[in-house]
């Protein structure tokens, strides 16, 4: 069974990469997190994309994921 999870990650360049689980390359790179989340939903409409947190919060750090 193929893993259908899709991730939105912030890149060092300041834009956002849309990646499938266990992929080596991004499926798409977009300038805003909102656009990347929309693209992730297009690529995998049956699952919720996981979004990398881009700021520190009391309950987590940037290496944690949230569902969009």
N, C-alpha and C. Protein backbone atom coordinates (compact mmCIF):
# COMPACT_ATOMS: atom_id res chain seq x y z
N UNK A 1 0.83 -1.18 0.00
CA UNK A 1 0.00 0.00 0.00
C UNK A 1 0.88 1.25 0.00
N UNK A 2 0.57 2.18 -0.83
CA UNK A 2 1.36 3.40 -0.97
C UNK A 2 1.00 4.39 0.13
N UNK A 3 2.03 5.03 0.69
CA UNK A 3 1.83 6.04 1.73
C UNK A 3 1.32 7.32 1.08
N UNK A 4 0.15 7.78 1.45
CA UNK A 4 -0.48 8.93 0.80
C UNK A 4 -0.23 10.25 1.53
N UNK A 5 0.54 10.22 2.62
CA UNK A 5 0.78 11.45 3.38
C UNK A 5 1.57 12.46 2.54
N UNK A 6 1.20 13.73 2.72
CA UNK A 6 1.88 14.82 2.02
C UNK A 6 2.30 15.83 3.09
N UNK A 7 3.51 16.35 2.95
CA UNK A 7 4.08 17.28 3.92
C UNK A 7 4.36 18.63 3.27
N UNK A 8 4.19 19.70 4.05
CA UNK A 8 4.54 21.05 3.64
C UNK A 8 5.67 21.50 4.55
N UNK A 9 6.82 21.78 3.96
CA UNK A 9 8.01 22.14 4.73
C UNK A 9 8.52 23.51 4.29
N UNK A 10 8.96 24.30 5.25
CA UNK A 10 9.58 25.58 4.92
C UNK A 10 11.03 25.32 4.52
N UNK A 11 11.45 25.95 3.44
CA UNK A 11 12.83 25.80 2.97
C UNK A 11 13.66 26.98 3.45
N UNK A 12 14.98 26.82 3.41
CA UNK A 12 15.89 27.89 3.82
C UNK A 12 15.71 29.15 2.98
N UNK A 13 15.25 28.98 1.74
CA UNK A 13 15.04 30.11 0.84
C UNK A 13 13.81 30.94 1.23
N UNK A 14 12.98 30.43 2.16
CA UNK A 14 11.81 31.16 2.61
C UNK A 14 10.52 30.73 1.94
N UNK A 15 10.61 29.84 0.95
CA UNK A 15 9.40 29.34 0.31
C UNK A 15 9.04 27.98 0.91
N UNK A 16 8.05 27.31 0.35
CA UNK A 16 7.53 26.08 0.94
C UNK A 16 7.53 24.95 -0.06
N UNK A 17 8.03 23.80 0.38
CA UNK A 17 8.08 22.61 -0.46
C UNK A 17 6.93 21.68 -0.10
N UNK A 18 6.31 21.10 -1.10
CA UNK A 18 5.27 20.08 -0.92
C UNK A 18 5.92 18.76 -1.27
N UNK A 19 5.94 17.83 -0.30
CA UNK A 19 6.62 16.55 -0.50
C UNK A 19 5.72 15.40 -0.09
N UNK A 20 5.83 14.32 -0.80
CA UNK A 20 5.18 13.07 -0.37
C UNK A 20 6.08 12.38 0.65
N UNK A 21 5.50 11.54 1.46
CA UNK A 21 6.27 10.80 2.46
C UNK A 21 7.37 9.99 1.79
N UNK A 22 8.55 10.00 2.36
CA UNK A 22 9.70 9.23 1.89
C UNK A 22 10.19 9.62 0.50
N UNK A 23 9.89 10.83 0.05
CA UNK A 23 10.35 11.26 -1.27
C UNK A 23 11.72 11.93 -1.17
N UNK A 24 12.46 11.89 -2.24
CA UNK A 24 13.76 12.54 -2.29
C UNK A 24 13.65 13.98 -2.79
N UNK A 25 12.63 14.25 -3.60
CA UNK A 25 12.46 15.58 -4.18
C UNK A 25 11.07 16.10 -3.86
N UNK A 26 10.95 17.42 -3.89
CA UNK A 26 9.65 18.05 -3.65
C UNK A 26 8.76 17.88 -4.88
N UNK A 27 7.48 17.70 -4.64
CA UNK A 27 6.51 17.63 -5.73
C UNK A 27 6.27 19.01 -6.32
N UNK A 28 6.38 20.03 -5.46
CA UNK A 28 6.17 21.41 -5.90
C UNK A 28 6.80 22.34 -4.88
N UNK A 29 7.17 23.54 -5.28
CA UNK A 29 7.69 24.57 -4.39
C UNK A 29 6.88 25.83 -4.65
N UNK A 30 6.33 26.40 -3.57
CA UNK A 30 5.44 27.57 -3.71
C UNK A 30 5.88 28.67 -2.76
N UNK A 31 5.53 29.92 -3.07
CA UNK A 31 6.02 31.05 -2.28
C UNK A 31 5.38 31.21 -0.90
N UNK A 32 4.15 30.71 -0.71
CA UNK A 32 3.47 30.89 0.58
C UNK A 32 3.03 29.54 1.14
N UNK A 33 2.88 29.51 2.46
CA UNK A 33 2.42 28.31 3.12
C UNK A 33 0.99 27.97 2.68
N UNK A 34 0.15 28.98 2.56
CA UNK A 34 -1.24 28.77 2.14
C UNK A 34 -1.30 28.10 0.77
N UNK A 35 -0.50 28.60 -0.17
CA UNK A 35 -0.49 28.02 -1.52
C UNK A 35 0.04 26.58 -1.48
N UNK A 36 1.02 26.33 -0.64
CA UNK A 36 1.58 24.98 -0.53
C UNK A 36 0.55 24.01 0.06
N UNK A 37 -0.21 24.46 1.05
CA UNK A 37 -1.24 23.61 1.65
C UNK A 37 -2.31 23.29 0.62
N UNK A 38 -2.73 24.29 -0.15
CA UNK A 38 -3.73 24.05 -1.20
C UNK A 38 -3.22 23.04 -2.23
N UNK A 39 -1.97 23.17 -2.61
CA UNK A 39 -1.38 22.23 -3.58
C UNK A 39 -1.30 20.83 -3.00
N UNK A 40 -0.94 20.72 -1.72
CA UNK A 40 -0.87 19.42 -1.06
C UNK A 40 -2.24 18.76 -1.05
N UNK A 41 -3.29 19.53 -0.83
CA UNK A 41 -4.65 18.99 -0.85
C UNK A 41 -5.04 18.54 -2.26
N UNK A 42 -4.56 19.22 -3.29
CA UNK A 42 -4.82 18.80 -4.67
C UNK A 42 -4.12 17.47 -4.97
N UNK A 43 -2.89 17.33 -4.48
CA UNK A 43 -2.11 16.13 -4.75
C UNK A 43 -2.66 14.91 -4.02
N UNK A 44 -3.21 15.12 -2.83
CA UNK A 44 -3.72 14.01 -2.03
C UNK A 44 -5.03 14.42 -1.36
N UNK A 45 -6.13 14.42 -2.11
CA UNK A 45 -7.40 14.91 -1.57
C UNK A 45 -8.00 14.03 -0.46
N UNK A 46 -7.55 12.79 -0.34
CA UNK A 46 -8.10 11.89 0.67
C UNK A 46 -7.39 11.95 2.01
N UNK A 47 -6.34 12.76 2.13
CA UNK A 47 -5.63 12.87 3.40
C UNK A 47 -5.34 14.33 3.71
N UNK A 48 -5.17 14.61 4.99
CA UNK A 48 -4.86 15.98 5.41
C UNK A 48 -3.35 16.18 5.38
N UNK A 49 -2.87 17.26 4.77
CA UNK A 49 -1.42 17.49 4.72
C UNK A 49 -0.85 17.78 6.10
N UNK A 50 0.38 17.34 6.33
CA UNK A 50 1.10 17.67 7.58
C UNK A 50 1.93 18.91 7.29
N UNK A 51 1.83 19.91 8.16
CA UNK A 51 2.50 21.19 7.95
C UNK A 51 3.54 21.39 9.04
N UNK A 52 4.75 21.71 8.63
CA UNK A 52 5.83 21.99 9.57
C UNK A 52 5.54 23.31 10.27
N UNK A 53 5.71 23.33 11.57
CA UNK A 53 5.55 24.59 12.31
C UNK A 53 6.74 25.49 12.00
N UNK A 54 6.46 26.75 11.75
CA UNK A 54 7.54 27.66 11.36
C UNK A 54 7.87 28.67 12.47
N UNK A 55 7.30 28.46 13.65
CA UNK A 55 7.65 29.33 14.77
C UNK A 55 7.64 28.50 16.04
N UNK A 56 8.36 28.94 17.04
CA UNK A 56 8.37 28.25 18.31
C UNK A 56 7.10 28.57 19.09
N UNK A 57 6.52 27.56 19.71
CA UNK A 57 5.33 27.74 20.53
C UNK A 57 5.57 27.07 21.88
N UNK A 58 4.79 27.38 22.89
CA UNK A 58 4.98 26.73 24.20
C UNK A 58 4.83 25.21 24.14
N UNK A 59 4.03 24.71 23.21
CA UNK A 59 3.79 23.27 23.14
C UNK A 59 4.60 22.54 22.10
N UNK A 60 5.48 23.22 21.41
CA UNK A 60 6.22 22.54 20.36
C UNK A 60 7.39 23.36 19.86
N UNK A 61 8.04 22.83 18.87
CA UNK A 61 9.16 23.52 18.25
C UNK A 61 9.03 23.33 16.74
N UNK A 62 9.86 23.98 15.95
CA UNK A 62 9.70 23.89 14.50
C UNK A 62 9.79 22.48 13.92
N UNK A 63 10.33 21.52 14.67
CA UNK A 63 10.42 20.18 14.12
C UNK A 63 9.16 19.36 14.37
N UNK A 64 8.09 19.97 14.86
CA UNK A 64 6.83 19.29 15.08
C UNK A 64 5.90 19.54 13.88
N UNK A 65 4.92 18.69 13.71
CA UNK A 65 4.00 18.78 12.57
C UNK A 65 2.58 18.99 13.07
N UNK A 66 1.79 19.67 12.29
CA UNK A 66 0.36 19.82 12.59
C UNK A 66 -0.40 19.44 11.33
N UNK A 67 -1.63 19.00 11.51
CA UNK A 67 -2.47 18.69 10.35
C UNK A 67 -3.17 19.94 9.88
N UNK A 68 -3.25 20.12 8.58
CA UNK A 68 -3.92 21.29 8.02
C UNK A 68 -5.33 20.97 7.64
